PDB file of all heavy atoms in Angstrom:
ATOM      1  N   ASN A   1      76.194 -17.695  41.112  1.00  0.00           N
ATOM      2  CA  ASN A   1      74.942 -17.494  40.386  1.00  0.00           C
ATOM      3  C   ASN A   1      73.696 -17.745  41.237  1.00  0.00           C
ATOM      4  O   ASN A   1      72.585 -17.623  40.729  1.00  0.00           O
ATOM      5  CB  ASN A   1      74.899 -18.398  39.151  1.00  0.00           C
ATOM      6  CG  ASN A   1      75.823 -17.907  38.068  1.00  0.00           C
ATOM      7  OD1 ASN A   1      75.894 -16.723  37.793  1.00  0.00           O
ATOM      8  ND2 ASN A   1      76.563 -18.820  37.478  1.00  0.00           N
ATOM      9  N   ALA A   2      73.884 -18.099  42.495  1.00  0.00           N
ATOM     10  CA  ALA A   2      72.732 -18.366  43.361  1.00  0.00           C
ATOM     11  C   ALA A   2      71.832 -17.131  43.419  1.00  0.00           C
ATOM     12  O   ALA A   2      72.309 -16.004  43.529  1.00  0.00           O
ATOM     13  CB  ALA A   2      73.209 -18.741  44.759  1.00  0.00           C
ATOM     14  N   ARG A   3      70.565 -17.336  43.303  1.00  0.00           N
ATOM     15  CA  ARG A   3      69.526 -16.308  43.404  1.00  0.00           C
ATOM     16  C   ARG A   3      69.494 -15.322  42.233  1.00  0.00           C
ATOM     17  O   ARG A   3      68.675 -14.403  42.244  1.00  0.00           O
ATOM     18  CB  ARG A   3      69.598 -15.570  44.744  1.00  0.00           C
ATOM     19  CG  ARG A   3      69.168 -16.458  45.899  1.00  0.00           C
ATOM     20  CD  ARG A   3      69.259 -15.777  47.209  1.00  0.00           C
ATOM     21  NE  ARG A   3      70.556 -15.784  47.847  1.00  0.00           N
ATOM     22  CZ  ARG A   3      71.195 -16.856  48.295  1.00  0.00           C
ATOM     23  NH1 ARG A   3      70.682 -18.030  48.148  1.00  0.00           N
ATOM     24  NH2 ARG A   3      72.361 -16.759  48.889  1.00  0.00           N
ATOM     25  N   MET A   4      70.355 -15.477  41.254  1.00  0.00           N
ATOM     26  CA  MET A   4      70.300 -14.567  40.100  1.00  0.00           C
ATOM     27  C   MET A   4      69.012 -14.780  39.303  1.00  0.00           C
ATOM     28  O   MET A   4      68.402 -13.812  38.836  1.00  0.00           O
ATOM     29  CB  MET A   4      71.525 -14.754  39.199  1.00  0.00           C
ATOM     30  CG  MET A   4      72.819 -14.224  39.781  1.00  0.00           C
ATOM     31  SD  MET A   4      72.767 -12.472  40.206  1.00  0.00           S
ATOM     32  CE  MET A   4      72.589 -11.725  38.608  1.00  0.00           C
ATOM     33  N   LEU A   5      68.581 -16.023  39.155  1.00  0.00           N
ATOM     34  CA  LEU A   5      67.337 -16.295  38.439  1.00  0.00           C
ATOM     35  C   LEU A   5      66.142 -15.706  39.199  1.00  0.00           C
ATOM     36  O   LEU A   5      65.222 -15.159  38.588  1.00  0.00           O
ATOM     37  CB  LEU A   5      67.157 -17.804  38.239  1.00  0.00           C
ATOM     38  CG  LEU A   5      65.933 -18.222  37.436  1.00  0.00           C
ATOM     39  CD1 LEU A   5      65.991 -17.636  36.030  1.00  0.00           C
ATOM     40  CD2 LEU A   5      65.830 -19.732  37.384  1.00  0.00           C
ATOM     41  N   LEU A   6      66.175 -15.791  40.515  1.00  0.00           N
ATOM     42  CA  LEU A   6      65.096 -15.216  41.324  1.00  0.00           C
ATOM     43  C   LEU A   6      65.062 -13.694  41.180  1.00  0.00           C
ATOM     44  O   LEU A   6      63.982 -13.088  41.107  1.00  0.00           O
ATOM     45  CB  LEU A   6      65.262 -15.622  42.787  1.00  0.00           C
ATOM     46  CG  LEU A   6      64.154 -15.232  43.746  1.00  0.00           C
ATOM     47  CD1 LEU A   6      62.809 -15.783  43.286  1.00  0.00           C
ATOM     48  CD2 LEU A   6      64.475 -15.726  45.142  1.00  0.00           C
ATOM     49  N   ILE A   7      66.229 -13.078  41.108  1.00  0.00           N
ATOM     50  CA  ILE A   7      66.292 -11.622  40.907  1.00  0.00           C
ATOM     51  C   ILE A   7      65.683 -11.259  39.555  1.00  0.00           C
ATOM     52  O   ILE A   7      64.860 -10.339  39.464  1.00  0.00           O
ATOM     53  CB  ILE A   7      67.750 -11.119  41.017  1.00  0.00           C
ATOM     54  CG1 ILE A   7      68.233 -11.231  42.459  1.00  0.00           C
ATOM     55  CG2 ILE A   7      67.876  -9.686  40.508  1.00  0.00           C
ATOM     56  CD1 ILE A   7      69.719 -10.994  42.645  1.00  0.00           C
ATOM     57  N   LYS A   8      66.053 -11.980  38.502  1.00  0.00           N
ATOM     58  CA  LYS A   8      65.516 -11.705  37.170  1.00  0.00           C
ATOM     59  C   LYS A   8      64.004 -11.933  37.126  1.00  0.00           C
ATOM     60  O   LYS A   8      63.276 -11.188  36.479  1.00  0.00           O
ATOM     61  CB  LYS A   8      66.202 -12.583  36.132  1.00  0.00           C
ATOM     62  CG  LYS A   8      67.632 -12.211  35.867  1.00  0.00           C
ATOM     63  CD  LYS A   8      68.213 -13.173  34.847  1.00  0.00           C
ATOM     64  CE  LYS A   8      69.669 -12.925  34.619  1.00  0.00           C
ATOM     65  NZ  LYS A   8      70.234 -13.883  33.644  1.00  0.00           N
ATOM     66  N   THR A   9      63.545 -12.975  37.818  1.00  0.00           N
ATOM     67  CA  THR A   9      62.111 -13.253  37.857  1.00  0.00           C
ATOM     68  C   THR A   9      61.359 -12.139  38.568  1.00  0.00           C
ATOM     69  O   THR A   9      60.286 -11.710  38.126  1.00  0.00           O
ATOM     70  CB  THR A   9      61.854 -14.599  38.555  1.00  0.00           C
ATOM     71  OG1 THR A   9      62.573 -15.628  37.868  1.00  0.00           O
ATOM     72  CG2 THR A   9      60.381 -14.942  38.574  1.00  0.00           C
ATOM     73  N   THR A  10      61.914 -11.652  39.661  1.00  0.00           N
ATOM     74  CA  THR A  10      61.277 -10.556  40.400  1.00  0.00           C
ATOM     75  C   THR A  10      61.213  -9.294  39.544  1.00  0.00           C
ATOM     76  O   THR A  10      60.201  -8.581  39.554  1.00  0.00           O
ATOM     77  CB  THR A  10      62.040 -10.280  41.706  1.00  0.00           C
ATOM     78  OG1 THR A  10      62.229 -11.495  42.407  1.00  0.00           O
ATOM     79  CG2 THR A  10      61.282  -9.326  42.587  1.00  0.00           C
ATOM     80  N   ILE A  11      62.271  -9.039  38.788  1.00  0.00           N
ATOM     81  CA  ILE A  11      62.274  -7.875  37.888  1.00  0.00           C
ATOM     82  C   ILE A  11      61.180  -8.021  36.839  1.00  0.00           C
ATOM     83  O   ILE A  11      60.460  -7.065  36.549  1.00  0.00           O
ATOM     84  CB  ILE A  11      63.664  -7.712  37.228  1.00  0.00           C
ATOM     85  CG1 ILE A  11      64.688  -7.274  38.263  1.00  0.00           C
ATOM     86  CG2 ILE A  11      63.603  -6.719  36.067  1.00  0.00           C
ATOM     87  CD1 ILE A  11      66.123  -7.326  37.778  1.00  0.00           C
ATOM     88  N   ALA A  12      61.037  -9.218  36.298  1.00  0.00           N
ATOM     89  CA  ALA A  12      60.012  -9.442  35.276  1.00  0.00           C
ATOM     90  C   ALA A  12      58.602  -9.369  35.859  1.00  0.00           C
ATOM     91  O   ALA A  12      57.646  -9.002  35.152  1.00  0.00           O
ATOM     92  CB  ALA A  12      60.233 -10.798  34.607  1.00  0.00           C
ATOM     93  N   MET A  13      58.455  -9.687  37.126  1.00  0.00           N
ATOM     94  CA  MET A  13      57.132  -9.666  37.754  1.00  0.00           C
ATOM     95  C   MET A  13      56.626  -8.255  38.033  1.00  0.00           C
ATOM     96  O   MET A  13      55.410  -8.028  38.044  1.00  0.00           O
ATOM     97  CB  MET A  13      57.163 -10.443  39.072  1.00  0.00           C
ATOM     98  CG  MET A  13      57.059 -11.924  38.918  1.00  0.00           C
ATOM     99  SD  MET A  13      57.167 -12.801  40.491  1.00  0.00           S
ATOM    100  CE  MET A  13      56.290 -11.780  41.626  1.00  0.00           C
ATOM    101  N   CYS A  14      57.519  -7.319  38.277  1.00  0.00           N
ATOM    102  CA  CYS A  14      57.101  -5.961  38.660  1.00  0.00           C
ATOM    103  C   CYS A  14      56.148  -5.317  37.644  1.00  0.00           C
ATOM    104  O   CYS A  14      55.079  -4.830  38.030  1.00  0.00           O
ATOM    105  CB  CYS A  14      58.313  -5.083  38.915  1.00  0.00           C
ATOM    106  SG  CYS A  14      59.128  -5.439  40.481  1.00  0.00           S
ATOM    107  N   PRO A  15      56.474  -5.304  36.347  1.00  0.00           N
ATOM    108  CA  PRO A  15      55.520  -4.701  35.402  1.00  0.00           C
ATOM    109  C   PRO A  15      54.210  -5.486  35.317  1.00  0.00           C
ATOM    110  O   PRO A  15      53.148  -4.892  35.125  1.00  0.00           O
ATOM    111  CB  PRO A  15      56.251  -4.737  34.051  1.00  0.00           C
ATOM    112  CG  PRO A  15      57.661  -4.973  34.362  1.00  0.00           C
ATOM    113  CD  PRO A  15      57.722  -5.656  35.689  1.00  0.00           C
ATOM    114  N   LEU A  16      54.290  -6.792  35.483  1.00  0.00           N
ATOM    115  CA  LEU A  16      53.069  -7.590  35.425  1.00  0.00           C
ATOM    116  C   LEU A  16      52.152  -7.292  36.612  1.00  0.00           C
ATOM    117  O   LEU A  16      50.927  -7.224  36.458  1.00  0.00           O
ATOM    118  CB  LEU A  16      53.417  -9.083  35.379  1.00  0.00           C
ATOM    119  CG  LEU A  16      54.204  -9.519  34.144  1.00  0.00           C
ATOM    120  CD1 LEU A  16      54.592 -10.983  34.245  1.00  0.00           C
ATOM    121  CD2 LEU A  16      53.401  -9.255  32.895  1.00  0.00           C
ATOM    122  N   ILE A  17      52.734  -7.100  37.777  1.00  0.00           N
ATOM    123  CA  ILE A  17      51.933  -6.718  38.942  1.00  0.00           C
ATOM    124  C   ILE A  17      51.327  -5.337  38.700  1.00  0.00           C
ATOM    125  O   ILE A  17      50.163  -5.092  39.034  1.00  0.00           O
ATOM    126  CB  ILE A  17      52.784  -6.741  40.232  1.00  0.00           C
ATOM    127  CG1 ILE A  17      53.267  -8.160  40.528  1.00  0.00           C
ATOM    128  CG2 ILE A  17      51.993  -6.206  41.408  1.00  0.00           C
ATOM    129  CD1 ILE A  17      54.315  -8.234  41.627  1.00  0.00           C
ATOM    130  N   GLY A  18      52.101  -4.443  38.090  1.00  0.00           N
ATOM    131  CA  GLY A  18      51.573  -3.122  37.746  1.00  0.00           C
ATOM    132  C   GLY A  18      50.407  -3.209  36.780  1.00  0.00           C
ATOM    133  O   GLY A  18      49.420  -2.475  36.906  1.00  0.00           O
ATOM    134  N   LEU A  19      50.488  -4.121  35.815  1.00  0.00           N
ATOM    135  CA  LEU A  19      49.375  -4.293  34.877  1.00  0.00           C
ATOM    136  C   LEU A  19      48.137  -4.837  35.581  1.00  0.00           C
ATOM    137  O   LEU A  19      47.007  -4.509  35.202  1.00  0.00           O
ATOM    138  CB  LEU A  19      49.785  -5.210  33.731  1.00  0.00           C
ATOM    139  CG  LEU A  19      50.736  -4.575  32.723  1.00  0.00           C
ATOM    140  CD1 LEU A  19      51.193  -5.611  31.707  1.00  0.00           C
ATOM    141  CD2 LEU A  19      50.087  -3.404  32.036  1.00  0.00           C
ATOM    142  N   LEU A  20      48.345  -5.660  36.593  1.00  0.00           N
ATOM    143  CA  LEU A  20      47.211  -6.111  37.398  1.00  0.00           C
ATOM    144  C   LEU A  20      46.526  -4.906  38.044  1.00  0.00           C
ATOM    145  O   LEU A  20      45.295  -4.839  38.107  1.00  0.00           O
ATOM    146  CB  LEU A  20      47.682  -7.101  38.468  1.00  0.00           C
ATOM    147  CG  LEU A  20      46.615  -7.598  39.440  1.00  0.00           C
ATOM    148  CD1 LEU A  20      45.574  -8.419  38.697  1.00  0.00           C
ATOM    149  CD2 LEU A  20      47.250  -8.397  40.557  1.00  0.00           C
ATOM    150  N   GLY A  21      47.311  -3.949  38.487  1.00  0.00           N
ATOM    151  CA  GLY A  21      46.754  -2.714  39.036  1.00  0.00           C
ATOM    152  C   GLY A  21      45.978  -1.931  37.995  1.00  0.00           C
ATOM    153  O   GLY A  21      44.953  -1.313  38.300  1.00  0.00           O
ATOM    154  N   THR A  22      46.447  -1.958  36.755  1.00  0.00           N
ATOM    155  CA  THR A  22      45.734  -1.280  35.677  1.00  0.00           C
ATOM    156  C   THR A  22      44.359  -1.912  35.475  1.00  0.00           C
ATOM    157  O   THR A  22      43.353  -1.216  35.348  1.00  0.00           O
ATOM    158  CB  THR A  22      46.549  -1.361  34.367  1.00  0.00           C
ATOM    159  OG1 THR A  22      47.783  -0.705  34.571  1.00  0.00           O
ATOM    160  CG2 THR A  22      45.803  -0.720  33.219  1.00  0.00           C
ATOM    161  N   VAL A  23      44.332  -3.222  35.477  1.00  0.00           N
ATOM    162  CA  VAL A  23      43.063  -3.920  35.273  1.00  0.00           C
ATOM    163  C   VAL A  23      42.097  -3.626  36.417  1.00  0.00           C
ATOM    164  O   VAL A  23      40.926  -3.299  36.186  1.00  0.00           O
ATOM    165  CB  VAL A  23      43.305  -5.440  35.117  1.00  0.00           C
ATOM    166  CG1 VAL A  23      42.003  -6.205  35.132  1.00  0.00           C
ATOM    167  CG2 VAL A  23      44.080  -5.722  33.843  1.00  0.00           C
ATOM    168  N   THR A  24      42.589  -3.716  37.645  1.00  0.00           N
ATOM    169  CA  THR A  24      41.697  -3.447  38.774  1.00  0.00           C
ATOM    170  C   THR A  24      41.244  -1.985  38.788  1.00  0.00           C
ATOM    171  O   THR A  24      40.102  -1.695  39.130  1.00  0.00           O
ATOM    172  CB  THR A  24      42.362  -3.815  40.116  1.00  0.00           C
ATOM    173  OG1 THR A  24      43.578  -3.081  40.264  1.00  0.00           O
ATOM    174  CG2 THR A  24      42.626  -5.299  40.216  1.00  0.00           C
ATOM    175  N   GLY A  25      42.112  -1.068  38.398  1.00  0.00           N
ATOM    176  CA  GLY A  25      41.728   0.348  38.330  1.00  0.00           C
ATOM    177  C   GLY A  25      40.675   0.600  37.265  1.00  0.00           C
ATOM    178  O   GLY A  25      39.733   1.375  37.464  1.00  0.00           O
ATOM    179  N   MET A  26      40.812  -0.064  36.120  1.00  0.00           N
ATOM    180  CA  MET A  26      39.819   0.104  35.056  1.00  0.00           C
ATOM    181  C   MET A  26      38.481  -0.507  35.461  1.00  0.00           C
ATOM    182  O   MET A  26      37.418   0.022  35.117  1.00  0.00           O
ATOM    183  CB  MET A  26      40.322  -0.497  33.741  1.00  0.00           C
ATOM    184  CG  MET A  26      41.472   0.288  33.118  1.00  0.00           C
ATOM    185  SD  MET A  26      41.200   2.067  32.990  1.00  0.00           S
ATOM    186  CE  MET A  26      39.887   2.139  31.802  1.00  0.00           C
ATOM    187  N   ILE A  27      38.514  -1.596  36.201  1.00  0.00           N
ATOM    188  CA  ILE A  27      37.267  -2.173  36.712  1.00  0.00           C
ATOM    189  C   ILE A  27      36.577  -1.166  37.622  1.00  0.00           C
ATOM    190  O   ILE A  27      35.357  -0.988  37.570  1.00  0.00           O
ATOM    191  CB  ILE A  27      37.548  -3.510  37.435  1.00  0.00           C
ATOM    192  CG1 ILE A  27      37.923  -4.579  36.412  1.00  0.00           C
ATOM    193  CG2 ILE A  27      36.358  -3.943  38.266  1.00  0.00           C
ATOM    194  CD1 ILE A  27      38.414  -5.879  37.016  1.00  0.00           C
ATOM    195  N   THR A  28      37.364  -0.472  38.445  1.00  0.00           N
ATOM    196  CA  THR A  28      36.806   0.568  39.313  1.00  0.00           C
ATOM    197  C   THR A  28      36.164   1.680  38.492  1.00  0.00           C
ATOM    198  O   THR A  28      35.077   2.177  38.832  1.00  0.00           O
ATOM    199  CB  THR A  28      37.907   1.144  40.230  1.00  0.00           C
ATOM    200  OG1 THR A  28      38.501   0.096  40.963  1.00  0.00           O
ATOM    201  CG2 THR A  28      37.352   2.186  41.175  1.00  0.00           C
ATOM    202  N   VAL A  29      36.827   2.075  37.411  1.00  0.00           N
ATOM    203  CA  VAL A  29      36.271   3.121  36.530  1.00  0.00           C
ATOM    204  C   VAL A  29      34.939   2.651  35.951  1.00  0.00           C
ATOM    205  O   VAL A  29      33.942   3.395  35.952  1.00  0.00           O
ATOM    206  CB  VAL A  29      37.262   3.477  35.396  1.00  0.00           C
ATOM    207  CG1 VAL A  29      36.596   4.353  34.342  1.00  0.00           C
ATOM    208  CG2 VAL A  29      38.477   4.175  35.952  1.00  0.00           C
ATOM    209  N   PHE A  30      34.896   1.424  35.463  1.00  0.00           N
ATOM    210  CA  PHE A  30      33.658   0.921  34.863  1.00  0.00           C
ATOM    211  C   PHE A  30      32.548   0.766  35.900  1.00  0.00           C
ATOM    212  O   PHE A  30      31.383   1.027  35.602  1.00  0.00           O
ATOM    213  CB  PHE A  30      33.907  -0.391  34.133  1.00  0.00           C
ATOM    214  CG  PHE A  30      34.794  -0.237  32.924  1.00  0.00           C
ATOM    215  CD1 PHE A  30      35.807  -1.144  32.675  1.00  0.00           C
ATOM    216  CD2 PHE A  30      34.625   0.821  32.038  1.00  0.00           C
ATOM    217  CE1 PHE A  30      36.631  -1.004  31.561  1.00  0.00           C
ATOM    218  CE2 PHE A  30      35.446   0.970  30.926  1.00  0.00           C
ATOM    219  CZ  PHE A  30      36.448   0.052  30.691  1.00  0.00           C
ATOM    220  N   GLU A  31      32.911   0.358  37.108  1.00  0.00           N
ATOM    221  CA  GLU A  31      31.902   0.282  38.173  1.00  0.00           C
ATOM    222  C   GLU A  31      31.352   1.659  38.497  1.00  0.00           C
ATOM    223  O   GLU A  31      30.150   1.832  38.713  1.00  0.00           O
ATOM    224  CB  GLU A  31      32.498  -0.355  39.437  1.00  0.00           C
ATOM    225  CG  GLU A  31      32.677  -1.844  39.362  1.00  0.00           C
ATOM    226  CD  GLU A  31      33.340  -2.414  40.618  1.00  0.00           C
ATOM    227  OE1 GLU A  31      33.774  -1.633  41.496  1.00  0.00           O
ATOM    228  OE2 GLU A  31      33.419  -3.645  40.709  1.00  0.00           O
ATOM    229  N   THR A  32      32.244   2.637  38.538  1.00  0.00           N
ATOM    230  CA  THR A  32      31.814   4.013  38.808  1.00  0.00           C
ATOM    231  C   THR A  32      30.886   4.497  37.707  1.00  0.00           C
ATOM    232  O   THR A  32      29.849   5.121  37.980  1.00  0.00           O
ATOM    233  CB  THR A  32      33.036   4.947  38.927  1.00  0.00           C
ATOM    234  OG1 THR A  32      33.880   4.472  39.967  1.00  0.00           O
ATOM    235  CG2 THR A  32      32.630   6.371  39.204  1.00  0.00           C
ATOM    236  N   MET A  33      31.242   4.213  36.469  1.00  0.00           N
ATOM    237  CA  MET A  33      30.395   4.633  35.341  1.00  0.00           C
ATOM    238  C   MET A  33      29.042   3.928  35.393  1.00  0.00           C
ATOM    239  O   MET A  33      28.009   4.524  35.058  1.00  0.00           O
ATOM    240  CB  MET A  33      31.104   4.352  34.016  1.00  0.00           C
ATOM    241  CG  MET A  33      32.266   5.285  33.750  1.00  0.00           C
ATOM    242  SD  MET A  33      33.264   4.822  32.324  1.00  0.00           S
ATOM    243  CE  MET A  33      32.097   4.886  30.987  1.00  0.00           C
TER     244      MET A  33
END
């Protein structure tokens, strides 16, 4: 079971990192506007 928790955590982090990209992209849109 070594590193299985780290694998699951990394999987859970991927969408959250993507959402961070959404926020930064929307900030760019608002700055442009």
